[in-house]
Protein backbone atom coordinates (compact mmCIF):
# COMPACT_ATOMS: atom_id res chain seq x y z
CA MET A 1 -53.32 -130.57 -105.16
CA ILE A 2 -51.59 -133.66 -103.78
CA GLY A 3 -53.51 -136.84 -104.46
CA PHE A 4 -55.32 -135.52 -107.55
CA LYS A 5 -54.80 -137.55 -110.70
CA PHE A 6 -54.21 -136.31 -114.24
CA TYR A 7 -54.46 -138.60 -117.26
CA ILE A 8 -53.36 -137.17 -120.61
CA THR A 9 -53.11 -138.81 -124.03
CA THR A 10 -51.78 -138.05 -127.47
CA PRO A 11 -53.38 -139.74 -130.46
CA ILE A 12 -51.66 -142.97 -131.37
CA TYR A 13 -49.64 -142.17 -134.46
CA TYR A 14 -50.12 -144.05 -137.71
CA VAL A 15 -46.98 -145.93 -138.72
CA ASN A 16 -47.03 -145.77 -142.49
CA ASP A 17 -44.01 -143.43 -142.29
CA VAL A 18 -41.44 -141.95 -139.89
CA PRO A 19 -42.48 -139.18 -137.44
CA HIS A 20 -42.58 -135.54 -138.57
CA ILE A 21 -42.87 -132.18 -136.80
CA GLY A 22 -46.66 -132.54 -136.35
CA HIS A 23 -46.19 -135.72 -134.30
CA ALA A 24 -43.48 -134.01 -132.25
CA TYR A 25 -45.67 -130.93 -131.66
CA THR A 26 -48.56 -132.88 -130.13
CA THR A 27 -46.26 -135.04 -128.03
CA ILE A 28 -44.19 -132.14 -126.68
CA ALA A 29 -47.44 -130.33 -125.81
CA ALA A 30 -48.56 -133.38 -123.84
CA ASP A 31 -45.17 -133.52 -122.15
CA ILE A 32 -45.40 -129.84 -121.16
CA LEU A 33 -48.80 -130.42 -119.54
CA THR A 34 -47.52 -133.62 -117.90
CA ARG A 35 -44.54 -131.88 -116.31
CA TRP A 36 -46.69 -128.93 -115.25
CA HIS A 37 -49.22 -131.10 -113.45
CA ARG A 38 -46.46 -133.14 -111.84
CA ILE A 39 -44.87 -130.04 -110.32
CA LYS A 40 -48.38 -129.07 -109.14
CA GLY A 41 -48.33 -132.27 -107.08
CA LYS A 42 -50.72 -134.39 -109.16
CA GLU A 43 -50.34 -138.08 -109.88
CA VAL A 44 -49.96 -138.11 -113.65
CA PHE A 45 -50.24 -140.77 -116.34
CA PHE A 46 -49.09 -139.73 -119.81
CA LEU A 47 -49.82 -142.14 -122.67
CA THR A 48 -48.66 -142.09 -126.26
CA GLY A 49 -48.19 -144.83 -128.84
CA THR A 50 -48.72 -146.12 -132.36
CA ASP A 51 -51.65 -147.24 -134.52
CA GLU A 52 -50.30 -150.17 -136.53
CA HIS A 53 -53.09 -151.98 -138.38
CA GLY A 54 -54.99 -151.19 -141.57
CA LYS A 55 -54.87 -151.25 -145.34
CA LYS A 56 -52.40 -148.38 -145.72
CA VAL A 57 -49.75 -150.10 -143.58
CA GLN A 58 -50.47 -153.38 -145.35
CA GLU A 59 -49.93 -151.77 -148.77
CA VAL A 60 -46.76 -149.86 -147.82
CA ALA A 61 -45.22 -152.99 -146.25
CA GLU A 62 -46.03 -155.04 -149.36
CA SER A 63 -44.52 -152.36 -151.61
CA LYS A 64 -41.27 -152.67 -149.63
CA GLY A 65 -41.31 -156.48 -149.75
CA LYS A 66 -41.81 -156.77 -145.99
CA GLN A 67 -44.32 -158.42 -143.70
CA PRO A 68 -46.48 -155.76 -141.97
CA LYS A 69 -45.15 -156.56 -138.48
CA GLU A 70 -41.55 -156.33 -139.65
CA PHE A 71 -42.29 -152.99 -141.31
CA VAL A 72 -44.12 -151.44 -138.33
CA ASP A 73 -41.43 -152.57 -135.87
CA GLY A 74 -38.92 -150.39 -137.71
CA ILE A 75 -41.20 -147.35 -137.79
CA VAL A 76 -42.16 -147.75 -134.12
CA LYS A 77 -38.49 -147.68 -133.18
CA SER A 78 -38.13 -144.30 -134.92
CA PHE A 79 -41.00 -142.92 -132.81
CA LYS A 80 -39.62 -144.28 -129.54
CA ASP A 81 -36.11 -143.02 -130.32
CA LEU A 82 -37.45 -139.55 -131.14
CA TRP A 83 -39.41 -139.31 -127.89
CA ILE A 84 -36.24 -140.13 -125.95
CA LYS A 85 -34.36 -137.53 -127.99
CA LEU A 86 -37.02 -134.86 -127.32
CA ASN A 87 -37.02 -135.60 -123.57
CA ILE A 88 -40.61 -136.88 -123.56
CA SER A 89 -41.62 -138.19 -120.12
CA ASN A 90 -44.44 -140.57 -121.12
CA ASP A 91 -45.44 -143.25 -118.62
CA ASP A 92 -46.22 -145.85 -121.27
CA PHE A 93 -46.09 -146.43 -125.00
CA ILE A 94 -49.00 -148.43 -126.38
CA ARG A 95 -48.82 -150.40 -129.64
CA THR A 96 -52.01 -151.72 -131.19
CA THR A 97 -50.06 -154.89 -132.02
CA ASP A 98 -49.46 -155.53 -128.30
CA ALA A 99 -50.96 -158.91 -127.38
CA ASP A 100 -52.86 -157.58 -124.35
CA HIS A 101 -54.35 -154.78 -126.46
CA GLU A 102 -55.53 -157.17 -129.18
CA GLU A 103 -57.06 -159.49 -126.61
CA GLU A 104 -58.96 -156.64 -124.93
CA VAL A 105 -60.21 -155.28 -128.27
CA LYS A 106 -61.70 -158.70 -129.10
CA LYS A 107 -63.55 -158.69 -125.76
CA VAL A 108 -64.91 -155.20 -126.45
CA LEU A 109 -66.03 -156.16 -129.96
CA GLN A 110 -67.83 -159.22 -128.61
CA GLU A 111 -69.55 -157.18 -125.89
CA LEU A 112 -70.70 -154.55 -128.38
CA PHE A 113 -71.99 -157.29 -130.68
CA ASP A 114 -73.78 -159.13 -127.86
CA LYS A 115 -75.49 -155.89 -126.77
CA GLY A 116 -76.72 -155.21 -130.30
CA PHE A 117 -74.55 -152.18 -131.02
CA ILE A 118 -72.80 -153.98 -133.88
CA TYR A 119 -74.74 -155.57 -136.74
CA LYS A 120 -73.98 -157.03 -140.15
CA GLY A 121 -74.87 -155.03 -143.22
CA HIS A 122 -73.38 -153.12 -146.12
CA TYR A 123 -71.63 -149.80 -146.09
CA GLU A 124 -71.57 -147.44 -149.05
CA SER A 125 -69.62 -144.23 -148.89
CA TYR A 126 -66.69 -142.30 -150.25
CA TYR A 127 -63.50 -143.80 -148.84
CA CYS A 128 -60.07 -142.13 -148.78
CA VAL A 129 -57.25 -144.64 -148.33
CA GLY A 130 -54.90 -141.83 -147.26
CA CYS A 131 -57.17 -140.78 -144.38
CA GLU A 132 -58.46 -144.29 -143.74
CA GLN A 133 -61.79 -142.55 -143.27
CA TYR A 134 -65.15 -142.58 -144.95
CA LEU A 135 -66.17 -139.15 -146.20
CA THR A 136 -69.55 -137.59 -146.94
CA ARG A 137 -70.22 -135.73 -150.18
CA SER A 138 -70.10 -132.44 -148.23
CA ASP A 139 -66.55 -133.29 -147.08
CA LEU A 140 -65.23 -133.32 -150.64
CA VAL A 141 -63.67 -130.31 -152.34
CA ASP A 142 -64.02 -130.41 -156.12
CA GLY A 143 -64.80 -134.10 -155.75
CA CYS A 144 -61.57 -134.81 -153.87
CA CYS A 145 -60.45 -135.45 -150.30
CA PRO A 146 -59.49 -131.98 -148.97
CA LEU A 147 -56.35 -133.36 -147.30
CA HIS A 148 -54.96 -135.72 -149.93
CA LYS A 149 -56.35 -134.00 -153.06
CA LYS A 150 -57.36 -137.37 -154.47
CA GLU A 151 -60.76 -138.55 -155.61
CA PRO A 152 -62.00 -141.10 -153.06
CA GLU A 153 -63.41 -144.48 -153.98
CA LEU A 154 -67.17 -145.01 -153.78
CA LYS A 155 -67.29 -148.25 -151.86
CA LYS A 156 -70.08 -150.66 -151.10
CA GLU A 157 -69.08 -153.78 -149.28
CA GLU A 158 -70.24 -156.25 -146.68
CA ALA A 159 -69.30 -154.94 -143.27
CA TYR A 160 -70.23 -154.91 -139.63
CA LEU A 161 -71.59 -151.55 -138.58
CA PHE A 162 -71.66 -149.73 -135.27
CA LYS A 163 -74.93 -147.95 -134.37
CA LEU A 164 -73.41 -144.47 -134.24
CA SER A 165 -76.69 -142.83 -135.30
CA SER A 166 -78.40 -143.89 -132.07
CA PHE A 167 -76.05 -141.70 -130.00
CA GLN A 168 -76.67 -138.43 -131.84
CA ASP A 169 -78.86 -136.78 -129.19
CA GLN A 170 -76.58 -137.86 -126.33
CA LEU A 171 -73.54 -136.45 -128.12
CA LEU A 172 -75.26 -133.12 -128.73
CA ASP A 173 -76.20 -132.88 -125.05
CA LEU A 174 -72.67 -133.74 -123.87
CA ILE A 175 -70.99 -131.21 -126.15
CA GLU A 176 -73.57 -128.40 -125.81
CA ASN A 177 -73.35 -128.55 -122.02
CA ASP A 178 -69.56 -129.03 -121.89
CA LYS A 179 -69.86 -132.42 -120.22
CA LEU A 180 -67.42 -133.19 -123.02
CA GLN A 181 -65.41 -130.00 -123.36
CA LEU A 182 -64.08 -129.34 -126.86
CA LEU A 183 -61.39 -126.65 -127.04
CA PRO A 184 -60.81 -124.17 -128.58
CA LEU A 185 -64.43 -123.01 -128.66
CA SER A 186 -64.48 -122.90 -132.47
CA ARG A 187 -64.05 -126.69 -132.48
CA LYS A 188 -67.09 -127.13 -130.25
CA ASN A 189 -69.23 -125.11 -132.64
CA GLU A 190 -67.83 -127.00 -135.61
CA MET A 191 -68.71 -130.39 -134.10
CA LEU A 192 -72.21 -129.33 -133.05
CA SER A 193 -72.87 -128.24 -136.61
CA PHE A 194 -71.55 -131.53 -137.98
CA ILE A 195 -73.60 -133.72 -135.61
CA ARG A 196 -76.79 -131.75 -136.28
CA GLU A 197 -76.46 -132.67 -139.96
CA GLY A 198 -77.13 -136.24 -138.86
CA LEU A 199 -74.92 -139.19 -137.97
CA LYS A 200 -74.91 -142.46 -139.89
CA ASP A 201 -73.94 -145.88 -138.65
CA ILE A 202 -70.26 -146.49 -139.26
CA SER A 203 -68.38 -149.50 -140.58
CA ILE A 204 -66.12 -151.14 -138.01
CA SER A 205 -64.87 -154.04 -140.14
CA ARG A 206 -63.36 -154.93 -143.50
CA LYS A 207 -63.37 -158.27 -145.29
CA LYS A 208 -60.20 -160.16 -144.46
CA SER A 209 -59.70 -160.78 -148.17
CA GLU A 210 -59.27 -156.98 -148.50
CA VAL A 211 -57.50 -156.16 -145.23
CA TYR A 212 -55.77 -159.08 -143.54
CA TRP A 213 -53.56 -156.85 -141.39
CA GLY A 214 -55.95 -156.26 -138.49
CA ILE A 215 -57.56 -157.82 -135.44
CA GLU A 216 -59.93 -160.62 -136.38
CA LEU A 217 -63.55 -160.15 -135.32
CA PRO A 218 -64.31 -162.72 -132.59
CA PHE A 219 -67.80 -163.36 -134.02
CA ASP A 220 -66.81 -163.53 -137.72
CA LYS A 221 -63.35 -164.69 -138.72
CA GLU A 222 -63.85 -163.50 -142.29
CA HIS A 223 -63.62 -159.88 -141.10
CA THR A 224 -60.93 -157.81 -139.44
CA CYS A 225 -61.58 -154.87 -137.14
CA TYR A 226 -61.47 -151.62 -139.03
CA VAL A 227 -59.49 -148.95 -137.17
CA TRP A 228 -62.06 -147.44 -134.77
CA VAL A 229 -62.46 -149.94 -131.96
CA ASP A 230 -58.88 -151.10 -132.37
CA ALA A 231 -57.32 -147.62 -132.35
CA PHE A 232 -59.51 -145.84 -129.83
CA TRP A 233 -59.37 -148.59 -127.25
CA ASN A 234 -55.65 -147.87 -126.79
CA TYR A 235 -56.62 -145.11 -124.37
CA ILE A 236 -57.95 -147.80 -122.03
CA THR A 237 -55.59 -150.71 -122.70
CA GLY A 238 -52.60 -148.35 -122.46
CA LEU A 239 -53.36 -147.85 -118.77
CA ARG A 240 -52.44 -151.55 -118.29
CA LYS A 241 -55.41 -152.00 -115.94
CA ASN A 242 -54.38 -148.95 -113.88
CA GLU A 243 -58.06 -148.02 -113.69
CA LYS A 244 -57.73 -145.25 -111.10
CA PHE A 245 -56.61 -142.87 -113.87
CA TRP A 246 -59.74 -143.28 -116.00
CA PRO A 247 -61.18 -141.08 -117.53
CA PRO A 248 -58.64 -138.79 -119.24
CA GLU A 249 -58.55 -135.18 -118.10
CA VAL A 250 -57.17 -134.12 -121.49
CA GLN A 251 -56.90 -135.77 -124.88
CA LEU A 252 -54.75 -133.85 -127.35
CA MET A 253 -55.14 -134.14 -131.13
CA ALA A 254 -54.88 -132.30 -134.43
CA LYS A 255 -58.07 -131.01 -136.01
CA ASP A 256 -58.27 -133.73 -138.69
CA ILE A 257 -59.22 -136.40 -136.13
CA LEU A 258 -61.55 -134.43 -133.86
CA ARG A 259 -64.66 -135.56 -135.75
CA VAL A 260 -64.07 -139.28 -135.20
CA HIS A 261 -62.93 -138.78 -131.61
CA SER A 262 -65.90 -136.68 -130.55
CA THR A 263 -68.46 -138.96 -132.22
CA ILE A 264 -67.29 -142.57 -132.66
CA TRP A 265 -64.93 -142.75 -129.67
CA ILE A 266 -67.40 -141.17 -127.25
CA SER A 267 -70.28 -143.30 -128.58
CA LEU A 268 -68.27 -146.48 -127.99
CA LEU A 269 -67.80 -145.43 -124.37
CA LEU A 270 -71.49 -144.57 -124.00
CA ALA A 271 -72.47 -147.95 -125.44
CA LEU A 272 -70.42 -149.70 -122.76
CA LYS A 273 -71.50 -147.25 -120.02
CA LEU A 274 -67.95 -146.03 -119.35
CA LYS A 275 -67.00 -142.53 -118.22
CA ILE A 276 -66.04 -140.17 -121.02
CA PRO A 277 -62.97 -137.88 -121.25
CA LYS A 278 -63.31 -134.45 -119.71
CA THR A 279 -61.58 -132.35 -122.37
CA MET A 280 -60.42 -132.73 -125.95
CA PHE A 281 -57.99 -130.02 -126.99
CA VAL A 282 -57.40 -129.54 -130.70
CA HIS A 283 -54.31 -127.88 -132.12
CA GLY A 284 -53.74 -126.58 -135.63
CA TYR A 285 -51.44 -127.39 -138.54
CA PHE A 286 -48.03 -126.10 -139.56
CA THR A 287 -47.08 -124.43 -142.76
CA VAL A 288 -43.36 -124.12 -143.52
CA ASP A 289 -42.20 -120.64 -144.48
CA GLY A 290 -45.76 -119.91 -145.53
CA LYS A 291 -46.18 -123.05 -147.66
CA LYS A 292 -48.10 -126.24 -146.93
CA MET A 293 -45.83 -128.99 -145.61
CA SER A 294 -45.62 -131.87 -148.12
CA LYS A 295 -43.23 -134.49 -149.44
CA THR A 296 -43.81 -133.19 -152.96
CA LEU A 297 -42.44 -129.76 -152.02
CA GLY A 298 -39.65 -131.41 -150.05
CA ASN A 299 -40.31 -129.21 -147.01
CA VAL A 300 -41.36 -131.81 -144.43
CA VAL A 301 -39.68 -130.82 -141.16
CA ASP A 302 -37.69 -133.56 -139.43
CA PRO A 303 -37.72 -132.94 -135.66
CA LYS A 304 -34.82 -135.34 -135.06
CA GLU A 305 -32.61 -133.48 -137.50
CA LEU A 306 -33.57 -130.10 -135.99
CA SER A 307 -32.94 -131.22 -132.41
CA GLU A 308 -29.47 -132.44 -133.40
CA LYS A 309 -28.67 -129.34 -135.46
CA TYR A 310 -29.63 -126.91 -132.70
CA ASP A 311 -30.75 -128.02 -129.26
CA VAL A 312 -33.68 -130.08 -127.98
CA ASP A 313 -34.81 -127.36 -125.57
CA ALA A 314 -34.46 -124.73 -128.31
CA LEU A 315 -36.86 -126.72 -130.52
CA ARG A 316 -39.30 -127.29 -127.65
CA TYR A 317 -39.18 -123.60 -126.79
CA TYR A 318 -39.62 -122.35 -130.33
CA LEU A 319 -42.65 -124.53 -131.09
CA PHE A 320 -44.69 -123.01 -128.26
CA ARG A 321 -43.24 -119.50 -127.94
CA GLY A 322 -44.85 -117.69 -130.82
CA ILE A 323 -47.84 -119.78 -131.93
CA PRO A 324 -50.96 -119.73 -129.74
CA PHE A 325 -51.71 -123.38 -128.93
CA GLY A 326 -54.85 -124.37 -130.80
CA GLN A 327 -54.19 -122.20 -133.85
CA ASP A 328 -52.42 -122.88 -137.13
CA GLY A 329 -48.84 -121.67 -137.26
CA ASP A 330 -45.90 -121.25 -139.58
CA PHE A 331 -42.61 -123.05 -139.00
CA SER A 332 -39.51 -121.05 -139.93
CA GLU A 333 -35.96 -122.20 -139.23
CA LYS A 334 -34.87 -118.57 -139.59
CA VAL A 335 -37.22 -117.50 -136.78
CA LEU A 336 -36.06 -120.45 -134.66
CA ILE A 337 -32.47 -119.19 -134.93
CA GLU A 338 -33.55 -115.61 -134.15
CA ARG A 339 -35.41 -116.69 -131.01
CA TYR A 340 -32.52 -118.95 -130.00
CA ASN A 341 -30.03 -116.07 -130.21
CA SER A 342 -32.13 -113.26 -128.76
CA GLU A 343 -34.25 -115.04 -126.14
CA LEU A 344 -32.36 -118.17 -125.09
CA ALA A 345 -28.76 -117.04 -125.53
CA ASP A 346 -28.92 -113.25 -125.00
CA SER A 347 -31.73 -113.05 -122.44
CA LEU A 348 -31.75 -116.25 -120.37
CA GLY A 349 -28.22 -117.58 -120.91
CA ASN A 350 -26.63 -114.19 -120.42
CA LEU A 351 -28.66 -113.50 -117.27
CA ILE A 352 -27.53 -116.72 -115.62
CA ASN A 353 -23.91 -116.16 -116.53
CA ARG A 354 -23.87 -112.53 -115.36
CA VAL A 355 -25.45 -113.29 -111.98
CA LEU A 356 -23.22 -116.28 -111.25
CA VAL A 357 -20.02 -114.51 -112.34
CA LEU A 358 -20.87 -111.54 -110.06
CA THR A 359 -21.55 -113.97 -107.18
CA GLU A 360 -18.21 -115.70 -107.71
CA LYS A 361 -16.31 -112.44 -108.03
CA ASN A 362 -17.79 -110.75 -104.96
CA PHE A 363 -18.77 -113.61 -102.61
CA ASN A 364 -16.44 -116.47 -103.60
CA GLY A 365 -19.39 -118.30 -105.17
CA ASN A 366 -21.45 -118.36 -101.96
CA VAL A 367 -25.08 -117.24 -101.92
CA PRO A 368 -25.04 -113.86 -100.09
CA GLN A 369 -27.20 -112.88 -97.15
CA PRO A 370 -30.46 -111.11 -98.12
CA THR A 371 -31.63 -108.04 -96.22
CA GLU A 372 -34.91 -107.09 -97.87
CA LYS A 373 -37.30 -107.97 -100.67
CA ASP A 374 -37.83 -105.54 -103.50
CA LYS A 375 -39.78 -105.26 -106.78
CA LEU A 376 -38.06 -108.35 -108.20
CA SER A 377 -39.65 -110.62 -105.60
CA GLU A 378 -43.05 -109.06 -106.30
CA LEU A 379 -42.57 -109.66 -110.03
CA CYS A 380 -41.70 -113.30 -109.37
CA PHE A 381 -45.02 -113.85 -107.58
CA GLU A 382 -46.97 -111.97 -110.25
CA THR A 383 -45.32 -114.12 -112.92
CA MET A 384 -46.07 -117.32 -111.01
CA GLU A 385 -49.78 -116.41 -110.81
CA LYS A 386 -49.99 -115.45 -114.48
CA VAL A 387 -48.22 -118.61 -115.62
CA ASN A 388 -50.48 -120.75 -113.43
CA SER A 389 -53.54 -119.14 -115.02
CA SER A 390 -52.19 -119.48 -118.58
CA MET A 391 -51.27 -123.14 -118.13
CA GLY A 392 -54.75 -123.90 -116.82
CA ASN A 393 -56.12 -122.46 -120.08
CA PHE A 394 -53.63 -124.15 -122.44
CA GLN A 395 -52.10 -120.74 -123.26
CA PHE A 396 -48.50 -121.86 -123.51
CA HIS A 397 -47.37 -118.79 -125.47
CA ASN A 398 -48.73 -116.47 -122.78
CA ALA A 399 -46.96 -118.45 -120.05
CA LEU A 400 -43.66 -118.13 -121.93
CA ASN A 401 -44.29 -114.44 -122.62
CA ASP A 402 -44.66 -113.80 -118.88
CA ILE A 403 -41.59 -115.87 -117.94
CA TRP A 404 -39.47 -114.03 -120.49
CA HIS A 405 -40.78 -110.71 -119.24
CA LEU A 406 -39.43 -111.69 -115.82
CA ILE A 407 -36.08 -112.63 -117.41
CA SER A 408 -35.96 -109.33 -119.31
CA GLU A 409 -36.77 -107.34 -116.15
CA SER A 410 -34.01 -109.21 -114.29
CA ASN A 411 -31.45 -108.18 -116.90
CA LYS A 412 -32.79 -104.60 -116.65
CA TYR A 413 -32.48 -104.83 -112.82
CA ILE A 414 -28.75 -105.52 -113.19
CA ASN A 415 -28.27 -102.60 -115.56
CA ASP A 416 -30.47 -100.12 -113.68
CA ASN A 417 -28.69 -100.84 -110.38
CA LYS A 418 -25.24 -100.93 -112.06
CA ILE A 419 -24.47 -103.89 -109.84
CA TRP A 420 -20.89 -104.20 -111.13
CA GLU A 421 -20.10 -100.75 -109.62
CA ILE A 422 -21.56 -101.29 -106.13
CA GLU A 423 -18.96 -101.44 -103.35
CA ASP A 424 -21.35 -101.75 -100.39
CA LYS A 425 -21.21 -105.50 -99.75
CA GLN A 426 -24.52 -105.62 -97.90
CA LYS A 427 -26.39 -103.79 -100.66
CA LEU A 428 -24.66 -105.80 -103.38
CA GLY A 429 -25.37 -109.05 -101.53
CA ASN A 430 -29.07 -108.26 -101.26
CA LEU A 431 -29.37 -107.43 -104.97
CA LEU A 432 -27.53 -110.59 -105.98
CA TYR A 433 -29.62 -112.71 -103.63
CA ASN A 434 -32.78 -111.36 -105.26
CA LEU A 435 -31.39 -112.26 -108.68
CA LEU A 436 -30.32 -115.76 -107.62
CA GLU A 437 -33.71 -116.40 -106.07
CA THR A 438 -35.35 -115.15 -109.28
CA LEU A 439 -33.27 -117.67 -111.26
CA ARG A 440 -34.64 -120.41 -109.00
CA PHE A 441 -38.19 -119.26 -109.80
CA VAL A 442 -37.34 -119.18 -113.50
CA SER A 443 -35.97 -122.73 -113.39
CA ILE A 444 -39.22 -124.08 -111.88
CA LEU A 445 -41.49 -122.14 -114.24
CA THR A 446 -39.52 -123.09 -117.36
CA TYR A 447 -39.16 -126.77 -116.40
CA PRO A 448 -42.23 -128.02 -118.31
CA PHE A 449 -41.02 -126.32 -121.51
CA ILE A 450 -37.22 -126.67 -121.41
CA PRO A 451 -36.54 -129.33 -118.76
CA GLU A 452 -32.86 -129.90 -119.50
CA THR A 453 -32.13 -126.18 -119.21
CA ALA A 454 -34.19 -125.90 -116.00
CA GLU A 455 -32.21 -128.77 -114.47
CA ASN A 456 -28.97 -127.09 -115.52
CA ILE A 457 -30.01 -123.85 -113.81
CA MET A 458 -30.80 -125.73 -110.59
CA GLU A 459 -27.46 -127.49 -110.76
CA GLN A 460 -25.58 -124.21 -111.24
CA LEU A 461 -27.44 -122.78 -108.23
CA GLY A 462 -26.07 -125.71 -106.23
CA LEU A 463 -29.55 -127.19 -105.74
CA GLU A 464 -31.12 -130.60 -106.29
CA LYS A 465 -32.84 -131.10 -109.63
CA LYS A 466 -36.27 -131.23 -108.01
CA PHE A 467 -39.22 -129.16 -109.17
CA SER A 468 -42.32 -128.34 -107.19
CA PHE A 469 -44.88 -125.55 -107.37
CA ASP A 470 -44.77 -125.52 -103.58
CA ASP A 471 -41.15 -124.30 -103.79
CA LEU A 472 -42.26 -121.04 -105.44
CA LYS A 473 -41.87 -119.28 -102.13
CA TRP A 474 -39.39 -116.47 -101.60
CA GLY A 475 -36.31 -117.19 -99.49
CA LYS A 476 -35.95 -120.95 -100.11
CA LEU A 477 -32.40 -120.40 -101.43
CA GLU A 478 -30.15 -120.60 -98.37
CA SER A 479 -27.41 -118.02 -97.89
CA GLY A 480 -23.94 -119.53 -97.75
CA LYS A 481 -24.80 -122.28 -100.26
CA LYS A 482 -22.10 -122.74 -102.91
CA ILE A 483 -23.08 -122.10 -106.50
CA LYS A 484 -21.59 -124.28 -109.26
CA ARG A 485 -21.26 -122.12 -112.35
CA GLY A 486 -20.98 -124.24 -115.48
CA LYS A 487 -20.61 -123.51 -119.16
CA VAL A 488 -22.80 -120.91 -120.86
CA LEU A 489 -26.17 -122.57 -121.54
CA PHE A 490 -26.78 -121.37 -125.10
CA GLN A 491 -23.94 -120.59 -127.49
CA LYS A 492 -25.11 -118.09 -130.09
CA ILE A 493 -25.65 -119.38 -133.62
CA LYS A 494 -23.89 -117.38 -136.34
């Protein structure tokens, strides 16, 4: 694995408001994959950032009596602060107001124009300000945008258009043959159906008199760049000329932006003869206690508040424990507390404490000498193989299921062997060694999901906080090493 690169992106998040649980979900998922591929020995680049131009930002800033840049600076800080809080290990954070990004976008626009992929015309379509997307009649539900429940405007205005229609056959070929892999499979079928209905050329500009908050077109200063080239090009400019990472192995996104990514974004790359991403993985939406999340209902979940109320690792764990990645899921604070108490506190936290207390009591806190492997070592290797397979298929919930099965079996191992009653030091030492070594395996396997907890386990085992898939070999924990039992990892919530 060493020497292989892995480039992963989140969408750049629109800064008309502070981050919510959906933003956190995508970004934590990217962080989990980032940490996993790092422990597999790959050279990883993880990019996230913010999309800061457009009419919606312009209007919100004006309504608050602020200049757009002043407004977005405040919102961007809330995103950056949250990623630090949630232990996100991104390599860079791209802003579409970064000077180098704006300069590169102008070059791309000029090149597309010079090659004849951009032309001046008029665009007429249904336009939803909330989505900042043009919609077709078939997109509407009862005449309204399905997401925002508002009737879109029928707009006709002078605009520069990108020749999206000319890439229809290429896009079908790429997606049908998995040269561009869309996951889950249902998303692939959905996009093939959409493209077969026919693609139209798409507006890539707005009149500056309408939208002044945007990147000026280099070939017409009366127009500003409309979202697509500006936003999508972040995936390239965010590498800061670190070209060895291109193209992305995985681009994560919610289902509402798959359509524009798999058509407009890929067509822009094809127009400029650049390599395309390998995989786009699409996750679902959250409901909250069975209801749609909305400001009107007052049930928008604040990830910052949750991480402070409980524990960052508890939030990270909960989000991916019970909901298959790629499907819609329901967020329930009640279920979060239940999982925290039963799985983090009772299962994992209790296991660590029991094993370390027994080691202190019987061997003065020194790792005992092993004499033989048993079923626990076999289960560790089985778990490692299952987790490796699940992670390769984006099945985070299955990976966690298998890790927690190992944790559950370790607790059962203590009870079945009645370790606290054993007087034979050699037998007791071997059983405790197997448990300590299992904890080391658990720390490595859980690291992508709950990194702070994994580091704490390593520290209590008296080991360096280093994580490598290559260390998932039995017997790496040296006998005689001093453990450093600390406080109980998860205090139960009443």
